[in-house]
Amino acid sequence: MPDNWAKTYFQWMRNIQDWCISRQLWWGHRIPAWYDDAGNVYVARSEADAQAQATRKHGNAVALRQDDDVLDTWFSSALWPFSTLGWPKQTPELAAFYPSTVLVTASTSSSSGWPE
């Protein structure tokens, strides 16, 4: 973190507020977390994977419910290239239209403190 943003960062962390509900979408990418009746959380790529985790923990299958919340619009928009171009498979479309391995969304201005 650039030193010139430290005060802003710590002020935000000390006064953190609930996420603005207007940023949430009911049709977004659902959070990949499932809960059992005891409140244990299982984070997985699919419900089947979450169920396998729960079965290992409990020794038998248990009822799971997926988190009702969705990822915010900024995060969901970042998932769009992956969800439409075949990721995690290495498809020709992914290589052609999304060849990078790093996504940087920070300002590139030298006044921001980030390198250009």
N, C-alpha and C. Protein backbone atom coordinates (compact mmCIF):
# COMPACT_ATOMS: atom_id res chain seq x y z
N MET A 1 0.85 -1.17 0.00
CA MET A 1 0.00 0.00 0.00
C MET A 1 0.90 1.24 0.00
N PRO A 2 0.69 2.14 -0.90
CA PRO A 2 1.49 3.38 -0.89
C PRO A 2 1.27 4.15 0.41
N ASP A 3 2.32 4.73 0.95
CA ASP A 3 2.23 5.46 2.21
C ASP A 3 1.19 6.58 2.19
N ASN A 4 1.02 7.22 1.03
CA ASN A 4 0.07 8.33 0.98
C ASN A 4 -1.39 7.87 1.09
N TRP A 5 -1.66 6.58 1.06
CA TRP A 5 -3.02 6.06 1.22
C TRP A 5 -3.24 5.42 2.59
N ALA A 6 -2.22 5.38 3.43
CA ALA A 6 -2.33 4.70 4.73
C ALA A 6 -3.44 5.31 5.59
N LYS A 7 -3.49 6.63 5.69
CA LYS A 7 -4.52 7.27 6.54
C LYS A 7 -5.91 6.92 6.05
N THR A 8 -6.13 6.96 4.74
CA THR A 8 -7.43 6.62 4.18
C THR A 8 -7.79 5.17 4.46
N TYR A 9 -6.83 4.28 4.26
CA TYR A 9 -7.06 2.86 4.50
C TYR A 9 -7.44 2.59 5.95
N PHE A 10 -6.67 3.12 6.89
CA PHE A 10 -6.94 2.84 8.30
C PHE A 10 -8.24 3.50 8.76
N GLN A 11 -8.58 4.67 8.22
CA GLN A 11 -9.85 5.30 8.56
C GLN A 11 -11.00 4.41 8.10
N TRP A 12 -10.88 3.86 6.90
CA TRP A 12 -11.92 2.97 6.38
C TRP A 12 -12.03 1.71 7.25
N MET A 13 -10.89 1.12 7.62
CA MET A 13 -10.92 -0.10 8.42
C MET A 13 -11.48 0.13 9.82
N ARG A 14 -11.22 1.30 10.40
CA ARG A 14 -11.73 1.59 11.75
C ARG A 14 -13.23 1.90 11.74
N ASN A 15 -13.75 2.32 10.62
CA ASN A 15 -15.15 2.73 10.53
C ASN A 15 -15.91 1.91 9.50
N ILE A 16 -15.56 0.64 9.39
CA ILE A 16 -16.17 -0.21 8.37
C ILE A 16 -17.68 -0.31 8.60
N GLN A 17 -18.42 -0.28 7.53
CA GLN A 17 -19.89 -0.32 7.57
C GLN A 17 -20.37 -1.52 6.79
N ASP A 18 -21.62 -1.90 7.01
CA ASP A 18 -22.22 -2.96 6.21
C ASP A 18 -22.17 -2.59 4.74
N TRP A 19 -22.10 -3.61 3.88
CA TRP A 19 -22.04 -3.40 2.44
C TRP A 19 -23.34 -2.76 1.96
N CYS A 20 -23.21 -1.83 1.07
CA CYS A 20 -24.37 -1.13 0.52
C CYS A 20 -25.25 -2.12 -0.24
N ILE A 21 -26.49 -2.26 0.16
CA ILE A 21 -27.39 -3.25 -0.44
C ILE A 21 -27.63 -2.97 -1.92
N SER A 22 -27.51 -1.73 -2.35
CA SER A 22 -27.75 -1.43 -3.76
C SER A 22 -26.68 -2.03 -4.66
N ARG A 23 -25.54 -2.44 -4.11
CA ARG A 23 -24.49 -3.05 -4.90
C ARG A 23 -24.71 -4.54 -5.10
N GLN A 24 -25.74 -5.08 -4.47
CA GLN A 24 -25.97 -6.51 -4.51
C GLN A 24 -27.00 -6.84 -5.59
N LEU A 25 -26.81 -7.96 -6.24
CA LEU A 25 -27.72 -8.38 -7.29
C LEU A 25 -28.26 -9.76 -6.97
N TRP A 26 -29.51 -9.96 -7.12
CA TRP A 26 -30.05 -11.30 -6.85
C TRP A 26 -29.69 -12.27 -7.96
N TRP A 27 -29.30 -11.75 -9.14
CA TRP A 27 -28.96 -12.63 -10.26
C TRP A 27 -27.46 -12.80 -10.44
N GLY A 28 -26.66 -12.34 -9.50
CA GLY A 28 -25.21 -12.41 -9.62
C GLY A 28 -24.66 -13.80 -9.39
N HIS A 29 -23.37 -13.89 -9.30
CA HIS A 29 -22.70 -15.16 -9.01
C HIS A 29 -22.87 -15.46 -7.52
N ARG A 30 -23.53 -16.56 -7.21
CA ARG A 30 -23.75 -16.91 -5.81
C ARG A 30 -22.44 -17.25 -5.13
N ILE A 31 -22.34 -16.89 -3.87
CA ILE A 31 -21.15 -17.19 -3.09
C ILE A 31 -21.05 -18.71 -2.96
N PRO A 32 -19.90 -19.28 -3.28
CA PRO A 32 -19.74 -20.75 -3.28
C PRO A 32 -19.49 -21.31 -1.88
N ALA A 33 -20.43 -21.05 -0.98
CA ALA A 33 -20.32 -21.53 0.40
C ALA A 33 -21.62 -22.21 0.78
N TRP A 34 -21.49 -23.37 1.40
CA TRP A 34 -22.65 -24.15 1.85
C TRP A 34 -22.53 -24.36 3.35
N TYR A 35 -23.68 -24.40 4.04
CA TYR A 35 -23.71 -24.54 5.49
C TYR A 35 -24.49 -25.79 5.88
N ASP A 36 -24.03 -26.45 6.96
CA ASP A 36 -24.83 -27.54 7.51
C ASP A 36 -25.64 -27.00 8.68
N ASP A 37 -26.46 -27.84 9.29
CA ASP A 37 -27.33 -27.39 10.38
C ASP A 37 -26.56 -26.96 11.62
N ALA A 38 -25.31 -27.40 11.74
CA ALA A 38 -24.47 -27.02 12.89
C ALA A 38 -23.76 -25.69 12.66
N GLY A 39 -23.93 -25.11 11.46
CA GLY A 39 -23.28 -23.83 11.16
C GLY A 39 -21.90 -23.95 10.56
N ASN A 40 -21.43 -25.16 10.27
CA ASN A 40 -20.14 -25.34 9.61
C ASN A 40 -20.26 -24.87 8.17
N VAL A 41 -19.20 -24.27 7.67
CA VAL A 41 -19.21 -23.77 6.30
C VAL A 41 -18.27 -24.61 5.45
N TYR A 42 -18.71 -24.88 4.22
CA TYR A 42 -17.93 -25.64 3.25
C TYR A 42 -17.84 -24.81 1.98
N VAL A 43 -16.64 -24.39 1.64
CA VAL A 43 -16.42 -23.57 0.44
C VAL A 43 -15.91 -24.52 -0.65
N ALA A 44 -16.62 -24.53 -1.77
CA ALA A 44 -16.28 -25.49 -2.83
C ALA A 44 -16.75 -24.96 -4.17
N ARG A 45 -16.25 -25.59 -5.24
CA ARG A 45 -16.64 -25.21 -6.60
C ARG A 45 -18.06 -25.62 -6.93
N SER A 46 -18.56 -26.67 -6.26
CA SER A 46 -19.90 -27.16 -6.57
C SER A 46 -20.54 -27.70 -5.29
N GLU A 47 -21.84 -27.92 -5.35
CA GLU A 47 -22.54 -28.49 -4.20
C GLU A 47 -22.05 -29.91 -3.92
N ALA A 48 -21.73 -30.65 -4.98
CA ALA A 48 -21.22 -32.01 -4.81
C ALA A 48 -19.90 -32.00 -4.05
N ASP A 49 -19.01 -31.05 -4.37
CA ASP A 49 -17.74 -30.93 -3.66
C ASP A 49 -17.97 -30.54 -2.19
N ALA A 50 -18.92 -29.63 -1.97
CA ALA A 50 -19.25 -29.23 -0.59
C ALA A 50 -19.81 -30.42 0.18
N GLN A 51 -20.66 -31.18 -0.48
CA GLN A 51 -21.24 -32.36 0.17
C GLN A 51 -20.16 -33.38 0.52
N ALA A 52 -19.17 -33.54 -0.35
CA ALA A 52 -18.07 -34.47 -0.07
C ALA A 52 -17.29 -33.99 1.16
N GLN A 53 -17.07 -32.70 1.29
CA GLN A 53 -16.39 -32.15 2.47
C GLN A 53 -17.20 -32.43 3.73
N ALA A 54 -18.51 -32.19 3.64
CA ALA A 54 -19.38 -32.40 4.80
C ALA A 54 -19.43 -33.87 5.19
N THR A 55 -19.47 -34.74 4.21
CA THR A 55 -19.51 -36.18 4.48
C THR A 55 -18.22 -36.63 5.17
N ARG A 56 -17.08 -36.09 4.73
CA ARG A 56 -15.81 -36.42 5.39
C ARG A 56 -15.83 -35.95 6.85
N LYS A 57 -16.41 -34.78 7.08
CA LYS A 57 -16.44 -34.23 8.44
C LYS A 57 -17.38 -35.01 9.35
N HIS A 58 -18.57 -35.34 8.84
CA HIS A 58 -19.61 -35.96 9.67
C HIS A 58 -19.64 -37.48 9.58
N GLY A 59 -19.02 -38.04 8.56
CA GLY A 59 -19.07 -39.48 8.39
C GLY A 59 -20.28 -39.96 7.60
N ASN A 60 -21.17 -39.07 7.28
CA ASN A 60 -22.33 -39.39 6.45
C ASN A 60 -22.84 -38.10 5.80
N ALA A 61 -23.70 -38.26 4.81
CA ALA A 61 -24.24 -37.09 4.10
C ALA A 61 -25.16 -36.30 5.04
N VAL A 62 -25.08 -34.99 4.95
CA VAL A 62 -25.94 -34.10 5.74
C VAL A 62 -26.58 -33.08 4.82
N ALA A 63 -27.66 -32.50 5.26
CA ALA A 63 -28.33 -31.46 4.47
C ALA A 63 -27.48 -30.20 4.45
N LEU A 64 -27.32 -29.62 3.29
CA LEU A 64 -26.57 -28.38 3.13
C LEU A 64 -27.46 -27.33 2.49
N ARG A 65 -27.20 -26.08 2.81
CA ARG A 65 -27.87 -24.97 2.13
C ARG A 65 -26.80 -24.00 1.66
N GLN A 66 -26.96 -23.52 0.43
CA GLN A 66 -25.98 -22.58 -0.12
C GLN A 66 -26.25 -21.19 0.40
N ASP A 67 -25.20 -20.43 0.59
CA ASP A 67 -25.33 -19.04 1.00
C ASP A 67 -26.26 -18.33 0.03
N ASP A 68 -27.18 -17.54 0.54
CA ASP A 68 -28.16 -16.84 -0.31
C ASP A 68 -27.58 -15.61 -0.98
N ASP A 69 -26.47 -15.12 -0.49
CA ASP A 69 -25.92 -13.88 -1.01
C ASP A 69 -25.20 -14.10 -2.33
N VAL A 70 -24.95 -13.01 -3.04
CA VAL A 70 -24.22 -13.06 -4.31
C VAL A 70 -23.04 -12.11 -4.23
N LEU A 71 -22.07 -12.33 -5.10
CA LEU A 71 -20.93 -11.45 -5.17
C LEU A 71 -21.36 -10.13 -5.79
N ASP A 72 -20.75 -9.05 -5.38
CA ASP A 72 -21.16 -7.73 -5.86
C ASP A 72 -20.89 -7.56 -7.35
N THR A 73 -21.43 -6.50 -7.91
CA THR A 73 -21.35 -6.28 -9.36
C THR A 73 -19.93 -6.16 -9.87
N TRP A 74 -19.03 -5.55 -9.10
CA TRP A 74 -17.65 -5.43 -9.55
C TRP A 74 -17.02 -6.80 -9.65
N PHE A 75 -17.21 -7.63 -8.66
CA PHE A 75 -16.61 -8.95 -8.68
C PHE A 75 -17.23 -9.80 -9.78
N SER A 76 -18.55 -9.73 -9.91
CA SER A 76 -19.22 -10.52 -10.95
C SER A 76 -18.75 -10.12 -12.34
N SER A 77 -18.53 -8.83 -12.55
CA SER A 77 -18.06 -8.41 -13.87
C SER A 77 -16.65 -8.93 -14.15
N ALA A 78 -15.85 -9.10 -13.11
CA ALA A 78 -14.52 -9.66 -13.29
C ALA A 78 -14.58 -11.13 -13.65
N LEU A 79 -15.64 -11.81 -13.25
CA LEU A 79 -15.81 -13.23 -13.56
C LEU A 79 -16.30 -13.46 -14.98
N TRP A 80 -16.86 -12.44 -15.62
CA TRP A 80 -17.47 -12.60 -16.93
C TRP A 80 -16.55 -13.25 -17.95
N PRO A 81 -15.29 -12.77 -18.11
CA PRO A 81 -14.43 -13.41 -19.12
C PRO A 81 -14.20 -14.89 -18.85
N PHE A 82 -14.08 -15.23 -17.58
CA PHE A 82 -13.84 -16.63 -17.25
C PHE A 82 -15.07 -17.49 -17.50
N SER A 83 -16.23 -16.98 -17.13
CA SER A 83 -17.45 -17.78 -17.25
C SER A 83 -17.93 -17.91 -18.69
N THR A 84 -17.47 -17.05 -19.58
CA THR A 84 -17.92 -17.11 -20.98
C THR A 84 -16.86 -17.68 -21.94
N LEU A 85 -15.62 -17.78 -21.49
CA LEU A 85 -14.54 -18.20 -22.39
C LEU A 85 -13.98 -19.58 -22.07
N GLY A 86 -14.67 -20.32 -21.19
CA GLY A 86 -14.30 -21.70 -20.97
C GLY A 86 -13.41 -22.01 -19.78
N TRP A 87 -13.01 -21.01 -19.02
CA TRP A 87 -12.16 -21.25 -17.86
C TRP A 87 -12.85 -22.22 -16.91
N PRO A 88 -12.16 -23.16 -16.30
CA PRO A 88 -10.71 -23.27 -16.13
C PRO A 88 -10.00 -24.01 -17.25
N LYS A 89 -10.72 -24.47 -18.26
CA LYS A 89 -10.05 -25.12 -19.39
C LYS A 89 -9.28 -24.06 -20.18
N GLN A 90 -8.20 -24.47 -20.77
CA GLN A 90 -7.38 -23.56 -21.58
C GLN A 90 -7.92 -23.57 -23.02
N THR A 91 -8.99 -22.83 -23.22
CA THR A 91 -9.65 -22.81 -24.53
C THR A 91 -8.97 -21.83 -25.48
N PRO A 92 -9.15 -22.01 -26.79
CA PRO A 92 -8.61 -21.04 -27.75
C PRO A 92 -9.20 -19.64 -27.53
N GLU A 93 -10.48 -19.58 -27.14
CA GLU A 93 -11.13 -18.29 -26.89
C GLU A 93 -10.48 -17.56 -25.70
N LEU A 94 -10.21 -18.30 -24.65
CA LEU A 94 -9.58 -17.70 -23.47
C LEU A 94 -8.18 -17.18 -23.84
N ALA A 95 -7.43 -17.96 -24.59
CA ALA A 95 -6.08 -17.53 -25.01
C ALA A 95 -6.14 -16.31 -25.92
N ALA A 96 -7.14 -16.25 -26.80
CA ALA A 96 -7.23 -15.15 -27.77
C ALA A 96 -7.73 -13.85 -27.13
N PHE A 97 -8.75 -13.94 -26.29
CA PHE A 97 -9.40 -12.73 -25.80
C PHE A 97 -9.04 -12.36 -24.37
N TYR A 98 -8.34 -13.25 -23.65
CA TYR A 98 -7.98 -12.96 -22.26
C TYR A 98 -6.63 -13.61 -21.97
N PRO A 99 -5.58 -13.17 -22.69
CA PRO A 99 -4.29 -13.85 -22.62
C PRO A 99 -3.47 -13.57 -21.36
N SER A 100 -3.89 -12.62 -20.56
CA SER A 100 -3.04 -12.25 -19.42
C SER A 100 -3.20 -13.19 -18.24
N THR A 101 -2.27 -13.07 -17.31
CA THR A 101 -2.34 -13.83 -16.07
C THR A 101 -2.58 -12.92 -14.88
N VAL A 102 -2.58 -11.61 -15.12
CA VAL A 102 -2.77 -10.64 -14.04
C VAL A 102 -3.79 -9.60 -14.48
N LEU A 103 -4.72 -9.27 -13.60
CA LEU A 103 -5.68 -8.21 -13.86
C LEU A 103 -5.40 -7.09 -12.86
N VAL A 104 -5.03 -5.92 -13.36
CA VAL A 104 -4.76 -4.78 -12.49
C VAL A 104 -5.81 -3.74 -12.75
N THR A 105 -6.52 -3.34 -11.70
CA THR A 105 -7.57 -2.33 -11.86
C THR A 105 -7.21 -1.04 -11.15
N ALA A 106 -6.00 -0.96 -10.61
CA ALA A 106 -5.56 0.24 -9.90
C ALA A 106 -5.19 1.33 -10.90
N SER A 107 -5.19 2.53 -10.41
CA SER A 107 -4.78 3.67 -11.22
C SER A 107 -3.32 3.50 -11.63
N THR A 108 -2.98 3.92 -12.83
CA THR A 108 -1.60 3.85 -13.29
C THR A 108 -0.92 5.21 -13.23
N SER A 109 -1.62 6.20 -12.73
CA SER A 109 -1.05 7.53 -12.62
C SER A 109 0.05 7.54 -11.56
N SER A 110 1.16 8.21 -11.85
CA SER A 110 2.26 8.26 -10.89
C SER A 110 1.85 9.01 -9.63
N SER A 111 0.82 9.87 -9.72
CA SER A 111 0.36 10.58 -8.53
C SER A 111 -0.36 9.67 -7.55
N SER A 112 -0.73 8.48 -8.00
CA SER A 112 -1.43 7.55 -7.11
C SER A 112 -0.48 6.83 -6.17
N GLY A 113 0.79 6.86 -6.47
CA GLY A 113 1.75 6.13 -5.66
C GLY A 113 2.06 4.75 -6.22
N TRP A 114 1.30 4.33 -7.21
CA TRP A 114 1.54 3.02 -7.87
C TRP A 114 2.53 3.23 -9.00
N PRO A 115 3.38 2.27 -9.25
CA PRO A 115 4.32 2.42 -10.37
C PRO A 115 3.58 2.43 -11.71
N GLU A 116 4.15 3.14 -12.64
CA GLU A 116 3.53 3.20 -13.97
C GLU A 116 3.91 2.00 -14.79
